[in-house]
Amino acid sequence: MTIAFQSWNYPSVHLFGYVNKHRSQYPNKKNPALAILPSSILLQTDESGNLLDSKKNPCSDSAINSNSAGSLLSQDNTVGIIGGLSINSTLSFLKKLVHWSTKDGEDCLPFVLCSDPVLSKELLSQERSSFASLASKNEHFQMDQTPLENLSGKRAFLENSGARCIVMPCHLSHMWYDEVSRGCSVPFLHMGECVARELKEAKLRPLEAGSPLRIGVLASNATLIASFYQEKLQNEGFEVVLPDKATVEHTIIPAVEALNGKDSEGARNLLRIAIQVLLVRAVNTVILASDDMRELLPHDDPLLKKCVDPMDALARSTIKWAQSARKPR
């Protein structure tokens, strides 16, 4: 199943941010060149990934390379973020990261954000191919490796920019997590591991006596085929429950078609049915591993109390890492 069929025509964006409630600049005594950087810098590139002309872009290649002695950010808790299929999803994750890390009066953790429309298009192509395979009942869907090189390049860019931890707030990008994270010099958080660990720490009890703890998963067809959510949950001792064939054919596929036809209400009702079918099968909770699914349901929908958003778990895990990595001044 696939949900997100959105294409974004923005230039690539590399955002270097340090949100500070008391000042607009973050001083760096070790590197005077960095001390003059504003709290966020926007570097724009063309669709080939090249920085725009320095005369047109004051934060261009030459401006950054003037500080060749070190990375762009040098804080011990700097987070690198690789954007994915949807810019809205990336910004939603970033909003949570900023809001939750500052709720106790703390400064926001420093971050470097990479968002690339070329990567978004590559991921979109993967989603479309996966849905076409599902709709045609083709069980031999082959994963395209095109996004791998792009994702690996983003990882290297973030490492060189001073990121001390890297995250990918995109379900689909985790299809290539093993290859992208291989050889990474800093911690690389996995969204599936984050949500599985939180569920384990919640100390849930089986809904039926003598039964294992069951967790339902609703996601795009490509994400389910990659099976990383199933793997991470099973590693923590959970039994994973996926939509059965009848649910896929009579609710999931029609829900996608309704959403693509801009029938949000129809898609919402079908999604509710799919969630309820999983709940009837005695799952403790349902992981909604699709941003479009999550956004279909209003915030006050009672069914959301039975669902978990992996993006939330990733944001919380990122903040915990940043808090532990920050050294006293």
C-alpha atoms as a PDB file:
ATOM      1  CA  MET A   1       0.000   0.000   0.000  1.00  0.00           C
ATOM      2  CA  THR A   2       1.145   3.497  -0.651  1.00  0.00           C
ATOM      3  CA  ILE A   3      -0.298   6.761   0.519  1.00  0.00           C
ATOM      4  CA  ALA A   4       2.050   9.672  -0.165  1.00  0.00           C
ATOM      5  CA  PHE A   5       1.859  10.732  -3.813  1.00  0.00           C
ATOM      6  CA  GLN A   6       3.187  14.260  -3.397  1.00  0.00           C
ATOM      7  CA  SER A   7       5.949  15.827  -5.449  1.00  0.00           C
ATOM      8  CA  TRP A   8       7.821  18.873  -4.170  1.00  0.00           C
ATOM      9  CA  ASN A   9       9.511  21.329  -6.501  1.00  0.00           C
ATOM     10  CA  TYR A  10      11.624  23.183  -3.955  1.00  0.00           C
ATOM     11  CA  PRO A  11      15.385  23.553  -4.319  1.00  0.00           C
ATOM     12  CA  SER A  12      17.535  21.360  -2.115  1.00  0.00           C
ATOM     13  CA  VAL A  13      17.882  22.821   1.329  1.00  0.00           C
ATOM     14  CA  HIS A  14      20.630  22.433   3.889  1.00  0.00           C
ATOM     15  CA  LEU A  15      19.567  24.145   7.099  1.00  0.00           C
ATOM     16  CA  PHE A  16      21.985  24.721   9.932  1.00  0.00           C
ATOM     17  CA  GLY A  17      20.101  25.671  13.038  1.00  0.00           C
ATOM     18  CA  TYR A  18      20.728  26.518  16.615  1.00  0.00           C
ATOM     19  CA  VAL A  19      17.639  27.975  18.238  1.00  0.00           C
ATOM     20  CA  ASN A  20      18.532  29.996  21.318  1.00  0.00           C
ATOM     21  CA  LYS A  21      15.931  31.798  23.380  1.00  0.00           C
ATOM     22  CA  HIS A  22      18.339  34.412  24.665  1.00  0.00           C
ATOM     23  CA  ARG A  23      20.466  35.279  21.645  1.00  0.00           C
ATOM     24  CA  SER A  24      20.379  35.011  17.890  1.00  0.00           C
ATOM     25  CA  GLN A  25      23.956  33.805  17.547  1.00  0.00           C
ATOM     26  CA  TYR A  26      25.777  30.916  19.110  1.00  0.00           C
ATOM     27  CA  PRO A  27      29.375  31.912  19.967  1.00  0.00           C
ATOM     28  CA  ASN A  28      32.136  29.432  19.353  1.00  0.00           C
ATOM     29  CA  LYS A  29      35.362  30.329  21.107  1.00  0.00           C
ATOM     30  CA  LYS A  30      37.388  27.670  19.334  1.00  0.00           C
ATOM     31  CA  ASN A  31      36.419  28.869  15.884  1.00  0.00           C
ATOM     32  CA  PRO A  32      35.819  32.625  15.390  1.00  0.00           C
ATOM     33  CA  ALA A  33      34.498  32.090  11.862  1.00  0.00           C
ATOM     34  CA  LEU A  34      31.581  30.099  13.211  1.00  0.00           C
ATOM     35  CA  ALA A  35      30.776  32.712  15.836  1.00  0.00           C
ATOM     36  CA  ILE A  36      29.379  35.064  13.186  1.00  0.00           C
ATOM     37  CA  LEU A  37      26.926  32.518  11.780  1.00  0.00           C
ATOM     38  CA  PRO A  38      23.248  33.391  12.367  1.00  0.00           C
ATOM     39  CA  SER A  39      21.059  30.938  14.255  1.00  0.00           C
ATOM     40  CA  SER A  40      20.116  29.291  10.979  1.00  0.00           C
ATOM     41  CA  ILE A  41      21.662  29.307   7.497  1.00  0.00           C
ATOM     42  CA  LEU A  42      19.908  28.229   4.329  1.00  0.00           C
ATOM     43  CA  LEU A  43      22.098  26.805   1.590  1.00  0.00           C
ATOM     44  CA  GLN A  44      20.283  26.347  -1.709  1.00  0.00           C
ATOM     45  CA  THR A  45      21.377  23.952  -4.415  1.00  0.00           C
ATOM     46  CA  ASP A  46      20.137  23.120  -7.864  1.00  0.00           C
ATOM     47  CA  GLU A  47      18.670  19.726  -8.713  1.00  0.00           C
ATOM     48  CA  SER A  48      22.173  18.363  -9.369  1.00  0.00           C
ATOM     49  CA  GLY A  49      23.113  19.129  -5.801  1.00  0.00           C
ATOM     50  CA  ASN A  50      25.423  22.055  -6.654  1.00  0.00           C
ATOM     51  CA  LEU A  51      25.372  25.191  -4.552  1.00  0.00           C
ATOM     52  CA  LEU A  52      23.969  28.248  -6.290  1.00  0.00           C
ATOM     53  CA  ASP A  53      26.232  31.077  -7.446  1.00  0.00           C
ATOM     54  CA  SER A  54      27.799  32.850  -4.472  1.00  0.00           C
ATOM     55  CA  LYS A  55      26.863  36.269  -5.868  1.00  0.00           C
ATOM     56  CA  LYS A  56      23.198  35.273  -5.736  1.00  0.00           C
ATOM     57  CA  ASN A  57      23.421  33.292  -2.531  1.00  0.00           C
ATOM     58  CA  PRO A  58      25.209  34.960   0.398  1.00  0.00           C
ATOM     59  CA  CYS A  59      25.353  31.639   2.266  1.00  0.00           C
ATOM     60  CA  SER A  60      26.961  29.767  -0.590  1.00  0.00           C
ATOM     61  CA  ASP A  61      29.910  27.453  -1.059  1.00  0.00           C
ATOM     62  CA  SER A  62      32.553  30.187  -0.765  1.00  0.00           C
ATOM     63  CA  ALA A  63      31.041  31.578   2.415  1.00  0.00           C
ATOM     64  CA  ILE A  64      31.098  28.208   4.095  1.00  0.00           C
ATOM     65  CA  ASN A  65      34.511  27.239   2.767  1.00  0.00           C
ATOM     66  CA  SER A  66      35.988  30.375   4.315  1.00  0.00           C
ATOM     67  CA  ASN A  67      35.964  28.269   7.448  1.00  0.00           C
ATOM     68  CA  SER A  68      37.996  25.377   6.092  1.00  0.00           C
ATOM     69  CA  ALA A  69      39.555  24.691   9.469  1.00  0.00           C
ATOM     70  CA  GLY A  70      36.535  22.877  10.888  1.00  0.00           C
ATOM     71  CA  SER A  71      32.937  21.752  10.500  1.00  0.00           C
ATOM     72  CA  LEU A  72      29.956  24.074  10.381  1.00  0.00           C
ATOM     73  CA  LEU A  73      28.685  23.132  13.834  1.00  0.00           C
ATOM     74  CA  SER A  74      30.902  21.840  16.614  1.00  0.00           C
ATOM     75  CA  GLN A  75      28.530  21.266  19.529  1.00  0.00           C
ATOM     76  CA  ASP A  76      28.753  17.775  21.011  1.00  0.00           C
ATOM     77  CA  ASN A  77      25.002  17.240  20.685  1.00  0.00           C
ATOM     78  CA  THR A  78      24.532  18.397  17.075  1.00  0.00           C
ATOM     79  CA  VAL A  79      21.907  16.318  15.243  1.00  0.00           C
ATOM     80  CA  GLY A  80      21.974  15.647  11.502  1.00  0.00           C
ATOM     81  CA  ILE A  81      18.592  15.168   9.811  1.00  0.00           C
ATOM     82  CA  ILE A  82      18.064  13.598   6.374  1.00  0.00           C
ATOM     83  CA  GLY A  83      14.750  14.718   4.894  1.00  0.00           C
ATOM     84  CA  GLY A  84      12.682  12.185   2.997  1.00  0.00           C
ATOM     85  CA  LEU A  85       9.631  11.784   0.795  1.00  0.00           C
ATOM     86  CA  SER A  86       7.605  14.692   2.148  1.00  0.00           C
ATOM     87  CA  ILE A  87       8.898  18.108   3.185  1.00  0.00           C
ATOM     88  CA  ASN A  88       5.799  18.473   5.370  1.00  0.00           C
ATOM     89  CA  SER A  89       6.741  15.332   7.278  1.00  0.00           C
ATOM     90  CA  THR A  90      10.325  16.521   7.699  1.00  0.00           C
ATOM     91  CA  LEU A  91       9.209  19.894   9.033  1.00  0.00           C
ATOM     92  CA  SER A  92       6.675  18.240  11.329  1.00  0.00           C
ATOM     93  CA  PHE A  93       9.467  16.145  12.843  1.00  0.00           C
ATOM     94  CA  LEU A  94      11.679  19.222  13.189  1.00  0.00           C
ATOM     95  CA  LYS A  95       8.857  21.116  14.899  1.00  0.00           C
ATOM     96  CA  LYS A  96       8.500  18.319  17.463  1.00  0.00           C
ATOM     97  CA  LEU A  97      12.261  18.240  17.974  1.00  0.00           C
ATOM     98  CA  VAL A  98      12.403  21.982  18.644  1.00  0.00           C
ATOM     99  CA  HIS A  99       9.240  22.149  20.773  1.00  0.00           C
ATOM    100  CA  TRP A 100       9.932  19.114  22.948  1.00  0.00           C
ATOM    101  CA  SER A 101      13.599  19.936  23.517  1.00  0.00           C
ATOM    102  CA  THR A 102      12.760  23.467  24.719  1.00  0.00           C
ATOM    103  CA  LYS A 103       9.640  22.783  26.819  1.00  0.00           C
ATOM    104  CA  ASP A 104      11.628  22.935  30.095  1.00  0.00           C
ATOM    105  CA  GLY A 105      13.235  26.258  29.230  1.00  0.00           C
ATOM    106  CA  GLU A 106      16.301  24.714  27.594  1.00  0.00           C
ATOM    107  CA  ASP A 107      17.856  25.966  24.373  1.00  0.00           C
ATOM    108  CA  CYS A 108      16.952  23.896  21.336  1.00  0.00           C
ATOM    109  CA  LEU A 109      19.517  21.291  20.383  1.00  0.00           C
ATOM    110  CA  PRO A 110      21.735  22.295  17.409  1.00  0.00           C
ATOM    111  CA  PHE A 111      20.849  20.603  14.138  1.00  0.00           C
ATOM    112  CA  VAL A 112      21.775  20.305  10.463  1.00  0.00           C
ATOM    113  CA  LEU A 113      18.927  19.529   8.072  1.00  0.00           C
ATOM    114  CA  CYS A 114      19.305  18.180   4.523  1.00  0.00           C
ATOM    115  CA  SER A 115      16.213  18.264   2.290  1.00  0.00           C
ATOM    116  CA  ASP A 116      16.539  17.380  -1.389  1.00  0.00           C
ATOM    117  CA  PRO A 117      13.737  17.342  -4.027  1.00  0.00           C
ATOM    118  CA  VAL A 118      15.731  14.856  -6.116  1.00  0.00           C
ATOM    119  CA  LEU A 119      15.681  12.363  -3.248  1.00  0.00           C
ATOM    120  CA  SER A 120      11.970  13.057  -2.716  1.00  0.00           C
ATOM    121  CA  LYS A 121      11.265  12.185  -6.351  1.00  0.00           C
ATOM    122  CA  GLU A 122      13.315   8.989  -6.110  1.00  0.00           C
ATOM    123  CA  LEU A 123      11.379   7.911  -3.030  1.00  0.00           C
ATOM    124  CA  LEU A 124       8.080   8.872  -4.674  1.00  0.00           C
ATOM    125  CA  SER A 125       8.923   6.633  -7.619  1.00  0.00           C
ATOM    126  CA  GLN A 126       9.530   3.780  -5.188  1.00  0.00           C
ATOM    127  CA  GLU A 127       6.145   4.360  -3.540  1.00  0.00           C
ATOM    128  CA  ARG A 128       4.318   4.435  -6.860  1.00  0.00           C
ATOM    129  CA  SER A 129       5.944   1.230  -8.082  1.00  0.00           C
ATOM    130  CA  SER A 130       5.116  -0.496  -4.822  1.00  0.00           C
ATOM    131  CA  PHE A 131       1.449   0.509  -4.951  1.00  0.00           C
ATOM    132  CA  ALA A 132       1.163  -0.544  -8.599  1.00  0.00           C
ATOM    133  CA  SER A 133       2.552  -3.932  -7.594  1.00  0.00           C
ATOM    134  CA  LEU A 134       0.024  -4.226  -4.758  1.00  0.00           C
ATOM    135  CA  ALA A 135      -2.952  -3.142  -6.842  1.00  0.00           C
ATOM    136  CA  SER A 136      -2.051  -5.619  -9.602  1.00  0.00           C
ATOM    137  CA  LYS A 137      -1.465  -8.378  -6.989  1.00  0.00           C
ATOM    138  CA  ASN A 138       2.111  -8.782  -8.195  1.00  0.00           C
ATOM    139  CA  GLU A 139       3.994 -10.467  -5.357  1.00  0.00           C
ATOM    140  CA  HIS A 140       7.424  -9.990  -6.949  1.00  0.00           C
ATOM    141  CA  PHE A 141       8.027  -6.295  -6.254  1.00  0.00           C
ATOM    142  CA  GLN A 142      11.725  -5.451  -6.544  1.00  0.00           C
ATOM    143  CA  MET A 143      13.193  -2.665  -4.450  1.00  0.00           C
ATOM    144  CA  ASP A 144      14.906   0.036  -6.513  1.00  0.00           C
ATOM    145  CA  GLN A 145      18.388   0.957  -5.256  1.00  0.00           C
ATOM    146  CA  THR A 146      18.398   4.431  -6.839  1.00  0.00           C
ATOM    147  CA  PRO A 147      17.901   6.379  -3.560  1.00  0.00           C
ATOM    148  CA  LEU A 148      20.804   4.593  -1.851  1.00  0.00           C
ATOM    149  CA  GLU A 149      23.584   6.706  -3.356  1.00  0.00           C
ATOM    150  CA  ASN A 150      21.686   9.919  -2.603  1.00  0.00           C
ATOM    151  CA  LEU A 151      21.014   8.922   1.012  1.00  0.00           C
ATOM    152  CA  SER A 152      24.648   7.906   1.501  1.00  0.00           C
ATOM    153  CA  GLY A 153      25.775  11.264   0.154  1.00  0.00           C
ATOM    154  CA  LYS A 154      23.508  13.066   2.602  1.00  0.00           C
ATOM    155  CA  ARG A 155      24.931  11.024   5.466  1.00  0.00           C
ATOM    156  CA  ALA A 156      28.487  11.954   4.493  1.00  0.00           C
ATOM    157  CA  PHE A 157      27.515  15.620   4.166  1.00  0.00           C
ATOM    158  CA  LEU A 158      26.022  15.639   7.659  1.00  0.00           C
ATOM    159  CA  GLU A 159      29.053  13.933   9.176  1.00  0.00           C
ATOM    160  CA  ASN A 160      31.327  16.523   7.571  1.00  0.00           C
ATOM    161  CA  SER A 161      29.040  19.318   8.787  1.00  0.00           C
ATOM    162  CA  GLY A 162      29.593  18.378  12.417  1.00  0.00           C
ATOM    163  CA  ALA A 163      26.606  16.128  13.125  1.00  0.00           C
ATOM    164  CA  ARG A 164      27.285  13.834  16.090  1.00  0.00           C
ATOM    165  CA  CYS A 165      24.116  11.802  15.546  1.00  0.00           C
ATOM    166  CA  ILE A 166      22.041  11.215  12.391  1.00  0.00           C
ATOM    167  CA  VAL A 167      18.325  10.509  11.952  1.00  0.00           C
ATOM    168  CA  MET A 168      15.998   9.914   8.987  1.00  0.00           C
ATOM    169  CA  PRO A 169      12.403  11.001   9.772  1.00  0.00           C
ATOM    170  CA  CYS A 170      11.074   9.057   6.785  1.00  0.00           C
ATOM    171  CA  HIS A 171       9.634   5.553   6.911  1.00  0.00           C
ATOM    172  CA  LEU A 172      10.518   4.732   3.315  1.00  0.00           C
ATOM    173  CA  SER A 173      14.171   5.833   3.632  1.00  0.00           C
ATOM    174  CA  HIS A 174      14.681   3.131   6.256  1.00  0.00           C
ATOM    175  CA  MET A 175      14.478   0.549   3.483  1.00  0.00           C
ATOM    176  CA  TRP A 176      18.165   1.387   2.906  1.00  0.00           C
ATOM    177  CA  TYR A 177      19.103   2.010   6.544  1.00  0.00           C
ATOM    178  CA  ASP A 178      21.586  -0.875   6.787  1.00  0.00           C
ATOM    179  CA  GLU A 179      23.544   0.244   3.711  1.00  0.00           C
ATOM    180  CA  VAL A 180      23.391   3.978   4.514  1.00  0.00           C
ATOM    181  CA  SER A 181      24.458   3.561   8.141  1.00  0.00           C
ATOM    182  CA  ARG A 182      27.276   1.119   7.389  1.00  0.00           C
ATOM    183  CA  GLY A 183      30.608   2.722   8.266  1.00  0.00           C
ATOM    184  CA  CYS A 184      28.971   5.809   9.804  1.00  0.00           C
ATOM    185  CA  SER A 185      31.307   7.489  12.310  1.00  0.00           C
ATOM    186  CA  VAL A 186      28.472   8.691  14.591  1.00  0.00           C
ATOM    187  CA  PRO A 187      25.315   7.124  16.091  1.00  0.00           C
ATOM    188  CA  PHE A 188      22.590   6.622  13.477  1.00  0.00           C
ATOM    189  CA  LEU A 189      19.184   6.158  15.104  1.00  0.00           C
ATOM    190  CA  HIS A 190      16.703   3.720  13.565  1.00  0.00           C
ATOM    191  CA  MET A 191      13.040   4.715  13.798  1.00  0.00           C
ATOM    192  CA  GLY A 192      11.903   1.104  14.112  1.00  0.00           C
ATOM    193  CA  GLU A 193      14.284   0.452  17.000  1.00  0.00           C
ATOM    194  CA  CYS A 194      13.146   3.648  18.741  1.00  0.00           C
ATOM    195  CA  VAL A 195       9.438   2.760  18.678  1.00  0.00           C
ATOM    196  CA  ALA A 196      10.053  -0.907  19.556  1.00  0.00           C
ATOM    197  CA  ARG A 197      12.185   0.110  22.540  1.00  0.00           C
ATOM    198  CA  GLU A 198       9.539   2.558  23.796  1.00  0.00           C
ATOM    199  CA  LEU A 199       6.854  -0.111  23.564  1.00  0.00           C
ATOM    200  CA  LYS A 200       9.095  -2.530  25.453  1.00  0.00           C
ATOM    201  CA  GLU A 201       9.706   0.060  28.185  1.00  0.00           C
ATOM    202  CA  ALA A 202       5.953   0.678  28.463  1.00  0.00           C
ATOM    203  CA  LYS A 203       5.600  -2.805  30.035  1.00  0.00           C
ATOM    204  CA  LEU A 204       2.379  -3.604  28.188  1.00  0.00           C
ATOM    205  CA  ARG A 205       0.296  -6.613  29.152  1.00  0.00           C
ATOM    206  CA  PRO A 206      -1.338  -9.041  26.709  1.00  0.00           C
ATOM    207  CA  LEU A 207      -5.023  -8.383  26.137  1.00  0.00           C
ATOM    208  CA  GLU A 208      -5.731 -12.113  26.278  1.00  0.00           C
ATOM    209  CA  ALA A 209      -4.441 -14.308  29.107  1.00  0.00           C
ATOM    210  CA  GLY A 210      -1.647 -16.595  27.955  1.00  0.00           C
ATOM    211  CA  SER A 211      -1.218 -14.767  24.661  1.00  0.00           C
ATOM    212  CA  PRO A 212       1.915 -12.924  23.486  1.00  0.00           C
ATOM    213  CA  LEU A 213       2.026  -9.143  23.295  1.00  0.00           C
ATOM    214  CA  ARG A 214       0.704  -8.238  19.854  1.00  0.00           C
ATOM    215  CA  ILE A 215       1.496  -5.037  17.965  1.00  0.00           C
ATOM    216  CA  GLY A 216      -0.314  -4.129  14.752  1.00  0.00           C
ATOM    217  CA  VAL A 217       1.442  -2.311  11.908  1.00  0.00           C
ATOM    218  CA  LEU A 218      -0.199  -0.206   9.186  1.00  0.00           C
ATOM    219  CA  ALA A 219       2.222   1.174   6.617  1.00  0.00           C
ATOM    220  CA  SER A 220       2.800   1.635   2.919  1.00  0.00           C
ATOM    221  CA  ASN A 221       3.303  -1.504   0.869  1.00  0.00           C
ATOM    222  CA  ALA A 222       6.984  -0.688   0.315  1.00  0.00           C
ATOM    223  CA  THR A 223       7.582  -0.237   4.058  1.00  0.00           C
ATOM    224  CA  LEU A 224       5.848  -3.520   4.890  1.00  0.00           C
ATOM    225  CA  ILE A 225       7.827  -5.364   2.210  1.00  0.00           C
ATOM    226  CA  ALA A 226      11.076  -4.025   3.696  1.00  0.00           C
ATOM    227  CA  SER A 227       9.836  -5.547   7.003  1.00  0.00           C
ATOM    228  CA  PHE A 228      12.128  -3.529   9.275  1.00  0.00           C
ATOM    229  CA  TYR A 229       9.283  -2.662  11.652  1.00  0.00           C
ATOM    230  CA  GLN A 230       8.390  -6.341  11.913  1.00  0.00           C
ATOM    231  CA  GLU A 231      12.027  -7.247  12.555  1.00  0.00           C
ATOM    232  CA  LYS A 232      12.628  -4.605  15.253  1.00  0.00           C
ATOM    233  CA  LEU A 233       9.387  -5.452  17.067  1.00  0.00           C
ATOM    234  CA  GLN A 234      10.085  -9.171  16.978  1.00  0.00           C
ATOM    235  CA  ASN A 235      13.572  -8.539  18.368  1.00  0.00           C
ATOM    236  CA  GLU A 236      11.874  -7.031  21.438  1.00  0.00           C
ATOM    237  CA  GLY A 237       9.639 -10.080  21.847  1.00  0.00           C
ATOM    238  CA  PHE A 238       6.433  -8.759  20.259  1.00  0.00           C
ATOM    239  CA  GLU A 239       4.168 -10.670  17.919  1.00  0.00           C
ATOM    240  CA  VAL A 240       3.524  -8.518  14.848  1.00  0.00           C
ATOM    241  CA  VAL A 241       0.065  -8.430  13.285  1.00  0.00           C
ATOM    242  CA  LEU A 242      -0.303  -7.106   9.729  1.00  0.00           C
ATOM    243  CA  PRO A 243      -3.479  -6.452   7.725  1.00  0.00           C
ATOM    244  CA  ASP A 244      -4.796  -9.680   6.208  1.00  0.00           C
ATOM    245  CA  LYS A 245      -5.556 -10.120   2.526  1.00  0.00           C
ATOM    246  CA  ALA A 246      -9.224  -9.189   2.870  1.00  0.00           C
ATOM    247  CA  THR A 247      -8.386  -5.991   4.774  1.00  0.00           C
ATOM    248  CA  VAL A 248      -5.848  -4.987   2.147  1.00  0.00           C
ATOM    249  CA  GLU A 249      -8.219  -5.627  -0.748  1.00  0.00           C
ATOM    250  CA  HIS A 250     -11.373  -4.132   0.775  1.00  0.00           C
ATOM    251  CA  THR A 251     -10.061  -1.268   2.922  1.00  0.00           C
ATOM    252  CA  ILE A 252      -6.372  -0.430   2.331  1.00  0.00           C
ATOM    253  CA  ILE A 253      -6.349  -0.278  -1.468  1.00  0.00           C
ATOM    254  CA  PRO A 254      -9.730   1.528  -1.629  1.00  0.00           C
ATOM    255  CA  ALA A 255      -8.477   3.977   1.032  1.00  0.00           C
ATOM    256  CA  VAL A 256      -5.445   4.834  -1.094  1.00  0.00           C
ATOM    257  CA  GLU A 257      -7.590   5.248  -4.179  1.00  0.00           C
ATOM    258  CA  ALA A 258     -10.012   7.459  -2.239  1.00  0.00           C
ATOM    259  CA  LEU A 259      -7.165   9.632  -0.981  1.00  0.00           C
ATOM    260  CA  ASN A 260      -5.663   9.949  -4.442  1.00  0.00           C
ATOM    261  CA  GLY A 261      -9.119  10.972  -5.634  1.00  0.00           C
ATOM    262  CA  LYS A 262      -9.171  13.665  -2.929  1.00  0.00           C
ATOM    263  CA  ASP A 263     -11.936  11.869  -1.044  1.00  0.00           C
ATOM    264  CA  SER A 264     -10.433  12.399   2.408  1.00  0.00           C
ATOM    265  CA  GLU A 265     -13.598  11.450   4.277  1.00  0.00           C
ATOM    266  CA  GLY A 266     -13.877   8.163   2.423  1.00  0.00           C
ATOM    267  CA  ALA A 267     -10.199   7.391   3.016  1.00  0.00           C
ATOM    268  CA  ARG A 268     -10.585   8.302   6.704  1.00  0.00           C
ATOM    269  CA  ASN A 269     -13.522   5.939   7.211  1.00  0.00           C
ATOM    270  CA  LEU A 270     -11.704   3.081   5.498  1.00  0.00           C
ATOM    271  CA  LEU A 271      -8.596   3.690   7.614  1.00  0.00           C
ATOM    272  CA  ARG A 272     -10.717   3.530  10.760  1.00  0.00           C
ATOM    273  CA  ILE A 273     -12.035   0.144   9.629  1.00  0.00           C
ATOM    274  CA  ALA A 274      -8.491  -1.133   9.000  1.00  0.00           C
ATOM    275  CA  ILE A 275      -7.398  -0.050  12.497  1.00  0.00           C
ATOM    276  CA  GLN A 276     -10.472  -1.603  14.111  1.00  0.00           C
ATOM    277  CA  VAL A 277      -9.839  -4.898  12.306  1.00  0.00           C
ATOM    278  CA  LEU A 278      -6.356  -5.037  13.841  1.00  0.00           C
ATOM    279  CA  LEU A 279      -7.698  -4.134  17.283  1.00  0.00           C
ATOM    280  CA  VAL A 280     -10.243  -6.952  17.061  1.00  0.00           C
ATOM    281  CA  ARG A 281      -7.287  -9.301  16.624  1.00  0.00           C
ATOM    282  CA  ALA A 282      -6.196  -8.407  20.189  1.00  0.00           C
ATOM    283  CA  VAL A 283      -3.282  -6.110  19.407  1.00  0.00           C
ATOM    284  CA  ASN A 284      -2.221  -3.814  22.242  1.00  0.00           C
ATOM    285  CA  THR A 285      -1.561  -0.919  19.909  1.00  0.00           C
ATOM    286  CA  VAL A 286      -1.237  -0.120  16.199  1.00  0.00           C
ATOM    287  CA  ILE A 287       1.852   1.498  14.727  1.00  0.00           C
ATOM    288  CA  LEU A 288       0.801   4.005  12.068  1.00  0.00           C
ATOM    289  CA  ALA A 289       3.947   3.987   9.938  1.00  0.00           C
ATOM    290  CA  SER A 290       2.571   6.410   7.356  1.00  0.00           C
ATOM    291  CA  ASP A 291       2.299  10.172   7.739  1.00  0.00           C
ATOM    292  CA  ASP A 292      -0.692  10.356   5.419  1.00  0.00           C
ATOM    293  CA  MET A 293      -2.531   7.778   7.509  1.00  0.00           C
ATOM    294  CA  ARG A 294      -1.749   9.697  10.663  1.00  0.00           C
ATOM    295  CA  GLU A 295      -2.881  12.997   9.179  1.00  0.00           C
ATOM    296  CA  LEU A 296      -6.182  11.520   8.002  1.00  0.00           C
ATOM    297  CA  LEU A 297      -7.389  11.146  11.574  1.00  0.00           C
ATOM    298  CA  PRO A 298      -8.291  14.261  13.584  1.00  0.00           C
ATOM    299  CA  HIS A 299      -6.315  14.861  16.781  1.00  0.00           C
ATOM    300  CA  ASP A 300      -9.339  14.065  18.957  1.00  0.00           C
ATOM    301  CA  ASP A 301     -10.159  10.777  17.220  1.00  0.00           C
ATOM    302  CA  PRO A 302     -10.531   8.074  19.933  1.00  0.00           C
ATOM    303  CA  LEU A 303      -8.739   5.553  17.727  1.00  0.00           C
ATOM    304  CA  LEU A 304      -5.502   7.560  17.979  1.00  0.00           C
ATOM    305  CA  LYS A 305      -5.290   6.558  21.644  1.00  0.00           C
ATOM    306  CA  LYS A 306      -4.756   3.020  20.372  1.00  0.00           C
ATOM    307  CA  CYS A 307      -2.094   4.074  17.854  1.00  0.00           C
ATOM    308  CA  VAL A 308       1.586   4.979  17.998  1.00  0.00           C
ATOM    309  CA  ASP A 309       3.455   7.360  15.683  1.00  0.00           C
ATOM    310  CA  PRO A 310       7.077   6.201  15.114  1.00  0.00           C
ATOM    311  CA  MET A 311       8.068   9.804  14.341  1.00  0.00           C
ATOM    312  CA  ASP A 312       7.262  10.710  17.946  1.00  0.00           C
ATOM    313  CA  ALA A 313       9.463   7.906  19.227  1.00  0.00           C
ATOM    314  CA  LEU A 314      12.310   9.016  16.961  1.00  0.00           C
ATOM    315  CA  ALA A 315      12.023  12.619  18.153  1.00  0.00           C
ATOM    316  CA  ARG A 316      12.042  11.579  21.821  1.00  0.00           C
ATOM    317  CA  SER A 317      15.020   9.265  21.291  1.00  0.00           C
ATOM    318  CA  THR A 318      16.910  12.024  19.476  1.00  0.00           C
ATOM    319  CA  ILE A 319      16.338  14.439  22.355  1.00  0.00           C
ATOM    320  CA  LYS A 320      17.462  11.831  24.894  1.00  0.00           C
ATOM    321  CA  TRP A 321      20.645  11.264  22.901  1.00  0.00           C
ATOM    322  CA  ALA A 322      21.298  15.020  22.658  1.00  0.00           C
ATOM    323  CA  GLN A 323      20.787  15.516  26.374  1.00  0.00           C
ATOM    324  CA  SER A 324      23.214  12.722  27.213  1.00  0.00           C
ATOM    325  CA  ALA A 325      25.784  13.924  24.678  1.00  0.00           C
ATOM    326  CA  ARG A 326      25.789  17.576  25.749  1.00  0.00           C
ATOM    327  CA  LYS A 327      28.852  18.437  27.786  1.00  0.00           C
ATOM    328  CA  PRO A 328      28.632  20.997  30.617  1.00  0.00           C
ATOM    329  CA  ARG A 329      29.872  24.442  29.627  1.00  0.00           C
END
